[in-house]
Protein backbone atom coordinates (compact mmCIF):
# COMPACT_ATOMS: atom_id res chain seq x y z
CA MET A 1 0.00 0.00 0.00
CA ALA A 2 3.06 2.29 0.07
CA GLU A 3 2.66 5.42 -2.02
CA SER A 4 6.10 6.89 -1.29
CA PHE A 5 9.64 5.65 -1.01
CA THR A 6 9.68 6.52 2.73
CA ALA A 7 6.58 4.40 3.36
CA LEU A 8 8.16 1.53 1.43
CA ILE A 9 11.35 1.71 3.52
CA ILE A 10 9.31 1.73 6.75
CA ALA A 11 7.33 -1.31 5.58
CA ARG A 12 10.53 -3.17 4.70
CA CYS A 13 12.03 -2.28 8.10
CA VAL A 14 9.02 -3.82 9.83
CA SER A 15 9.44 -6.91 7.68
CA GLY A 16 13.13 -7.03 8.58
CA ILE A 17 12.38 -6.87 12.29
CA ALA A 18 9.84 -9.66 11.87
CA SER A 19 12.50 -11.87 10.24
CA GLY A 20 13.76 -12.51 13.77
CA LYS A 21 11.23 -15.34 13.79
CA ILE A 22 13.73 -17.39 11.76
CA SER A 23 16.14 -17.48 14.71
CA VAL A 24 13.29 -18.51 17.01
CA ALA A 25 12.28 -21.33 14.65
CA GLN A 26 15.88 -22.55 14.48
CA ALA A 27 16.17 -22.42 18.28
CA ILE A 28 12.98 -24.48 18.65
CA ILE A 29 14.39 -27.07 16.24
CA ALA A 30 17.61 -27.15 18.30
CA ASP A 31 15.57 -27.72 21.48
CA VAL A 32 13.32 -30.50 20.22
CA THR A 33 15.82 -32.54 18.18
CA THR A 34 18.54 -34.88 19.36
CA PRO A 35 22.12 -33.90 18.44
CA GLU A 36 22.35 -36.60 15.78
CA ASN A 37 19.09 -35.42 14.11
CA ARG A 38 19.64 -31.68 14.47
CA ALA A 39 21.03 -31.03 10.99
CA LYS A 40 18.08 -32.96 9.55
CA GLY A 41 15.69 -30.73 11.52
CA MET A 42 17.47 -27.59 10.32
CA GLY A 43 17.32 -29.07 6.83
CA MET A 44 13.53 -29.21 6.99
CA ILE A 45 13.48 -25.44 7.59
CA GLY A 46 15.84 -25.06 4.63
CA ALA A 47 13.62 -27.28 2.48
CA ALA A 48 10.66 -25.06 3.32
CA PHE A 49 12.70 -22.04 2.22
CA GLY A 50 13.69 -23.87 -0.96
CA LEU A 51 10.08 -24.66 -1.76
CA GLY A 52 9.14 -21.03 -1.22
CA PHE A 53 12.13 -19.98 -3.32
CA THR A 54 10.77 -22.15 -6.12
CA LEU A 55 7.04 -21.36 -5.92
CA GLY A 56 7.14 -17.74 -4.74
CA PRO A 57 8.59 -16.09 -7.85
CA ALA A 58 6.43 -18.20 -10.15
CA ILE A 59 3.20 -17.34 -8.29
CA GLY A 60 4.21 -13.67 -8.06
CA ALA A 61 4.98 -13.48 -11.78
CA PHE A 62 1.61 -15.06 -12.62
CA MET A 63 -0.32 -12.62 -10.40
CA VAL A 64 1.48 -9.55 -11.73
CA GLY A 65 -0.07 -10.29 -15.13
CA ASN A 66 1.15 -10.08 -18.71
CA ASP A 67 0.44 -6.40 -19.37
CA PRO A 68 3.77 -4.57 -18.90
CA SER A 69 2.02 -1.20 -19.07
CA ASN A 70 -0.28 -2.03 -16.13
CA PRO A 71 1.32 -4.61 -13.83
CA ASP A 72 -0.58 -5.68 -10.71
CA PHE A 73 2.03 -5.47 -7.95
CA GLN A 74 -0.49 -5.39 -5.08
CA SER A 75 -2.10 -8.82 -5.52
CA PRO A 76 1.12 -10.78 -4.79
CA MET A 77 1.66 -8.67 -1.68
CA PHE A 78 -1.88 -9.30 -0.43
CA LEU A 79 -1.42 -13.03 -1.02
CA ALA A 80 1.87 -12.97 0.89
CA ALA A 81 0.21 -11.08 3.75
CA GLY A 82 -2.63 -13.62 3.81
CA LEU A 83 -0.17 -16.51 3.95
CA SER A 84 1.61 -14.78 6.85
CA VAL A 85 -1.71 -14.61 8.71
CA VAL A 86 -2.18 -18.34 8.10
CA GLY A 87 1.32 -18.92 9.50
CA LEU A 88 0.45 -16.82 12.56
CA ILE A 89 -2.68 -18.88 13.23
CA LEU A 90 -0.78 -22.16 12.81
CA ALA A 91 1.99 -20.96 15.13
CA PHE A 92 -0.51 -19.80 17.76
CA PHE A 93 -2.22 -23.18 17.97
CA THR A 94 0.69 -25.56 17.34
CA VAL A 95 3.95 -24.08 18.65
CA LYS A 96 4.64 -24.89 22.29
CA GLU A 97 7.43 -23.79 24.63
CA SER A 98 10.44 -25.92 23.79
CA LEU A 99 12.80 -24.89 26.59
CA SER A 100 12.80 -26.79 29.85
CA GLU A 101 12.12 -24.82 33.02
CA GLU A 102 15.79 -25.14 33.97
CA ASP A 103 16.95 -23.66 30.67
CA ARG A 104 14.38 -20.89 30.93
CA LEU A 105 15.79 -19.91 34.31
CA VAL A 106 19.28 -19.78 32.82
CA ALA A 107 18.00 -17.65 29.92
CA ARG A 108 16.24 -15.23 32.30
CA GLU A 109 19.42 -14.79 34.33
CA THR A 110 21.40 -14.13 31.17
CA THR A 111 19.02 -11.39 30.01
CA LYS A 112 19.76 -9.51 33.23
CA LEU A 113 23.37 -9.07 32.12
CA ALA A 114 24.57 -5.97 30.30
CA TYR A 115 24.44 -6.29 26.51
CA PHE A 116 28.21 -6.62 26.05
CA ASP A 117 28.37 -9.17 28.86
CA GLN A 118 25.74 -11.18 26.99
CA LEU A 119 27.89 -10.97 23.86
CA LYS A 120 30.91 -12.23 25.83
CA LEU A 121 28.81 -15.18 26.98
CA VAL A 122 27.67 -15.95 23.43
CA PHE A 123 31.26 -15.75 22.12
CA SER A 124 32.69 -17.77 25.01
CA SER A 125 33.92 -20.41 22.53
CA SER A 126 36.28 -19.61 19.66
CA ALA A 127 34.33 -22.15 17.61
CA ILE A 128 31.33 -19.80 17.77
CA ALA A 129 33.39 -16.95 16.30
CA TRP A 130 34.43 -19.17 13.37
CA LEU A 131 30.84 -20.24 12.78
CA MET A 132 29.68 -16.61 12.86
CA GLY A 133 32.30 -16.01 10.19
CA THR A 134 30.79 -18.83 8.15
CA PHE A 135 27.35 -17.22 8.35
CA PHE A 136 28.81 -13.92 7.13
CA ILE A 137 30.97 -15.37 4.34
CA VAL A 138 28.23 -17.60 2.91
CA SER A 139 25.69 -14.77 2.95
CA PHE A 140 28.19 -12.23 1.58
CA VAL A 141 29.18 -14.47 -1.31
CA PHE A 142 25.78 -15.86 -2.29
CA SER A 143 23.98 -12.51 -2.03
CA GLN A 144 26.20 -11.32 -4.89
CA VAL A 145 24.97 -14.23 -6.99
CA GLU A 146 21.32 -13.53 -6.17
CA THR A 147 21.47 -9.81 -6.96
CA LEU A 148 23.86 -9.82 -9.92
CA PHE A 149 22.63 -12.97 -11.66
CA PRO A 150 19.95 -11.19 -13.72
CA LEU A 151 22.61 -8.83 -15.13
CA TRP A 152 25.25 -11.57 -15.51
CA THR A 153 22.98 -13.98 -17.40
CA GLU A 154 21.62 -11.17 -19.58
CA ARG A 155 25.15 -10.22 -20.65
CA ASN A 156 26.35 -13.81 -21.16
CA TYR A 157 23.26 -15.55 -22.53
CA GLY A 158 20.78 -12.78 -23.34
CA TRP A 159 18.32 -14.19 -20.81
CA ALA A 160 14.92 -12.62 -20.17
CA PRO A 161 13.14 -12.88 -16.78
CA LYS A 162 11.42 -16.11 -17.88
CA GLU A 163 14.71 -17.99 -18.34
CA LEU A 164 16.02 -16.54 -15.09
CA GLY A 165 12.88 -17.79 -13.32
CA TYR A 166 13.55 -21.30 -14.61
CA CYS A 167 17.11 -21.07 -13.27
CA PHE A 168 15.96 -20.01 -9.80
CA ALA A 169 13.34 -22.76 -9.85
CA TYR A 170 16.14 -25.27 -10.57
CA ILE A 171 18.11 -23.91 -7.60
CA GLY A 172 15.00 -24.19 -5.42
CA VAL A 173 14.42 -27.82 -6.42
CA ILE A 174 18.00 -28.70 -5.40
CA LEU A 175 17.51 -26.95 -2.05
CA VAL A 176 14.30 -28.90 -1.39
CA ILE A 177 15.79 -32.28 -2.31
CA VAL A 178 19.07 -31.87 -0.40
CA GLN A 179 17.68 -30.19 2.72
CA GLY A 180 14.45 -32.16 2.82
CA LYS A 181 15.76 -35.66 2.07
CA LEU A 182 19.55 -35.91 1.85
CA ILE A 183 20.93 -33.78 4.68
CA GLY A 184 20.09 -36.41 7.33
CA PRO A 185 21.91 -39.32 5.62
CA LEU A 186 24.81 -37.04 4.67
CA THR A 187 25.19 -35.92 8.29
CA LYS A 188 25.21 -39.52 9.53
CA TRP A 189 27.82 -40.40 6.91
CA LEU A 190 30.23 -37.45 7.31
CA GLY A 191 29.15 -35.57 10.45
CA GLU A 192 28.41 -31.83 10.54
CA PRO A 193 32.04 -30.59 10.76
CA LYS A 194 33.18 -32.39 7.60
CA LEU A 195 29.91 -31.57 5.87
CA LEU A 196 30.60 -27.88 6.53
CA LEU A 197 33.89 -28.22 4.62
CA VAL A 198 32.14 -30.05 1.77
CA GLY A 199 29.57 -27.27 1.49
CA LEU A 200 32.25 -24.56 1.36
CA ALA A 201 34.17 -26.55 -1.26
CA PHE A 202 31.08 -26.95 -3.46
CA LEU A 203 30.22 -23.25 -3.17
CA SER A 204 33.74 -22.15 -4.06
CA ALA A 205 33.95 -24.59 -6.99
CA GLY A 206 30.58 -23.41 -8.32
CA LEU A 207 31.65 -19.76 -8.23
CA PHE A 208 34.91 -20.45 -10.07
CA LEU A 209 33.17 -22.66 -12.64
CA THR A 210 30.58 -19.99 -13.39
CA THR A 211 33.29 -17.61 -14.57
CA ALA A 212 34.44 -20.30 -17.03
CA ALA A 213 30.91 -21.12 -18.23
CA PHE A 214 31.50 -20.42 -21.92
CA HIS A 215 29.21 -23.38 -22.68
CA PHE A 216 25.71 -23.74 -21.22
CA GLY A 217 26.54 -27.26 -19.98
CA ILE A 218 29.36 -25.87 -17.82
CA PHE A 219 26.95 -23.25 -16.48
CA ILE A 220 24.48 -25.93 -15.36
CA VAL A 221 27.28 -27.82 -13.59
CA ALA A 222 28.42 -24.59 -11.90
CA ILE A 223 24.90 -23.73 -10.72
CA THR A 224 24.48 -27.28 -9.42
CA PHE A 225 27.68 -27.05 -7.38
CA MET A 226 26.70 -23.67 -5.96
CA SER A 227 23.20 -24.85 -5.07
CA LEU A 228 24.52 -28.02 -3.42
CA GLY A 229 26.95 -25.91 -1.41
CA ILE A 230 24.25 -23.57 -0.11
CA ALA A 231 21.84 -26.47 0.51
CA ILE A 232 24.46 -28.21 2.66
CA LEU A 233 25.78 -25.12 4.43
CA ASN A 234 22.56 -23.55 5.70
CA PRO A 235 21.35 -26.39 7.95
CA THR A 236 24.86 -27.59 8.83
CA GLN A 237 26.16 -24.26 10.12
CA SER A 238 22.96 -23.75 12.15
CA ALA A 239 23.26 -27.22 13.68
CA LEU A 240 26.92 -26.69 14.58
CA LEU A 241 26.16 -23.32 16.13
CA SER A 242 23.43 -24.84 18.28
CA PHE A 243 26.01 -27.39 19.53
CA ALA A 244 28.49 -24.64 20.40
CA ALA A 245 25.96 -22.27 22.02
CA VAL A 246 25.80 -21.88 25.79
CA LYS A 247 22.96 -23.89 27.30
CA GLY A 248 19.67 -22.01 27.04
CA GLN A 249 21.15 -19.46 24.62
CA GLN A 250 20.52 -21.11 21.27
CA GLY A 251 17.96 -18.49 20.26
CA SER A 252 20.23 -15.55 21.12
CA THR A 253 23.24 -17.15 19.47
CA LEU A 254 21.34 -18.01 16.28
CA GLY A 255 19.88 -14.51 16.29
CA ILE A 256 23.36 -12.96 16.35
CA ALA A 257 24.42 -15.38 13.59
CA ASN A 258 21.52 -14.21 11.43
CA THR A 259 22.65 -10.64 12.12
CA PHE A 260 26.04 -11.58 10.64
CA SER A 261 24.15 -13.02 7.67
CA GLY A 262 22.28 -9.74 7.36
CA PHE A 263 25.54 -7.79 7.23
CA GLY A 264 26.68 -10.16 4.48
CA ARG A 265 23.50 -9.52 2.50
CA VAL A 266 24.06 -5.76 2.82
CA LEU A 267 27.76 -5.67 1.96
CA GLY A 268 27.81 -8.44 -0.67
CA PRO A 269 25.68 -6.71 -3.31
CA LEU A 270 27.40 -3.36 -2.70
CA TRP A 271 30.86 -4.88 -3.08
CA GLY A 272 29.84 -7.08 -6.00
CA GLY A 273 28.00 -4.29 -7.77
CA ILE A 274 31.04 -2.02 -7.73
CA PHE A 275 33.33 -4.70 -9.21
CA PHE A 276 30.66 -5.77 -11.72
CA GLU A 277 30.22 -2.24 -13.01
CA PHE A 278 33.74 -0.83 -12.92
CA VAL A 279 36.09 -3.83 -13.24
CA ASP A 280 34.60 -6.93 -14.89
CA TYR A 281 31.28 -8.73 -14.56
CA ASP A 282 33.05 -11.99 -13.66
CA MET A 283 35.08 -10.33 -10.90
CA PRO A 284 32.48 -10.65 -8.07
CA LEU A 285 32.30 -14.40 -8.73
CA LEU A 286 36.10 -14.76 -8.80
CA ILE A 287 36.49 -12.78 -5.58
CA GLY A 288 33.63 -14.70 -3.95
CA GLY A 289 35.18 -18.03 -4.90
CA THR A 290 38.59 -16.92 -3.60
CA ILE A 291 37.18 -15.67 -0.28
CA THR A 292 35.28 -18.92 0.21
CA LEU A 293 38.35 -21.02 -0.63
CA VAL A 294 40.61 -19.08 1.75
CA PHE A 295 38.03 -19.35 4.54
CA LEU A 296 37.71 -23.09 3.84
CA ILE A 297 41.48 -23.52 4.28
CA LEU A 298 41.48 -21.50 7.51
CA ILE A 299 38.48 -23.20 9.09
CA THR A 300 39.84 -26.67 8.28
CA ARG A 301 42.28 -26.15 11.15
CA VAL A 302 39.49 -25.78 13.72
CA VAL A 303 37.13 -28.50 12.51
CA ARG A 304 38.36 -30.75 15.31
CA ARG A 305 36.88 -28.32 17.83
CA PHE A 306 33.49 -28.65 16.14
CA SER A 307 33.80 -32.43 16.29
CA ALA A 308 34.55 -32.25 20.03
CA LEU A 309 31.51 -30.01 20.62
CA GLU A 310 29.30 -32.39 18.67
CA LYS A 311 30.53 -35.43 20.65
CA ALA A 312 30.06 -33.59 23.95
CA GLN A 313 26.42 -32.74 23.17
CA THR A 314 25.70 -36.22 21.90
CA ALA A 315 27.10 -37.71 25.11
CA SER A 316 25.05 -35.35 27.29
């Protein structure tokens, strides 16, 4: 309903504040799942996102209509608002308190601390700092792909929005399959720490391959690698962070992690856009692949700490 840019910004700010529900949902999953099934639980959230990522743009494009001179931008927004109301009703009647009374007491005591003391508590483990870095790096790198892809594919392949929609639908299908069905078996096979490295390797390889996608077949392989990397990383890094978090502080810790992701989504497109415009349109992908690869090499040294945290939670 916004009729000015200021009203639009205010509406988007409200939406941004409301996105804190994601951290709450992840914290609930961390509370109600066993350590060995936690990545699978986080994967179900990711699969839901993937399904929305696939269906949302298609439904929105259909509702906007085919008349470019008179597009209907309000109907998709009203539908989205209605779906949010449905989600609110479902949450009201189905979501129960997941923290035990003991953990709630710990959480209440923690909230009495000064803000920076709470941050010290959250970052009490160096493993948490590394995982926060993972949230930032993954978001920083992939946000460049999301925002610059329309321009990149238009320059390389002459794609229109329809072809781009098919591409995003393909990415969404991979997210649904991996996070909905495969993340559990993969976690049992490799464990979350090694799976984190696999996800970073896939993401980096996909970014590098995209810059060499002179043939459409190479492009499909590159997109598949990138999508697999993101599909593996999102639930895995959340599961690992819930292992490392102080007892009763999963929600706060995941909330801070999503703040790091938010910074990545702000800085990634700005950084990538500058290099795309003034250097070369492959440069954001090359830099993103290099950053991911360097971070992969650095974090390999501390994977053992993640393994120890995982074993400690499983034993408890």
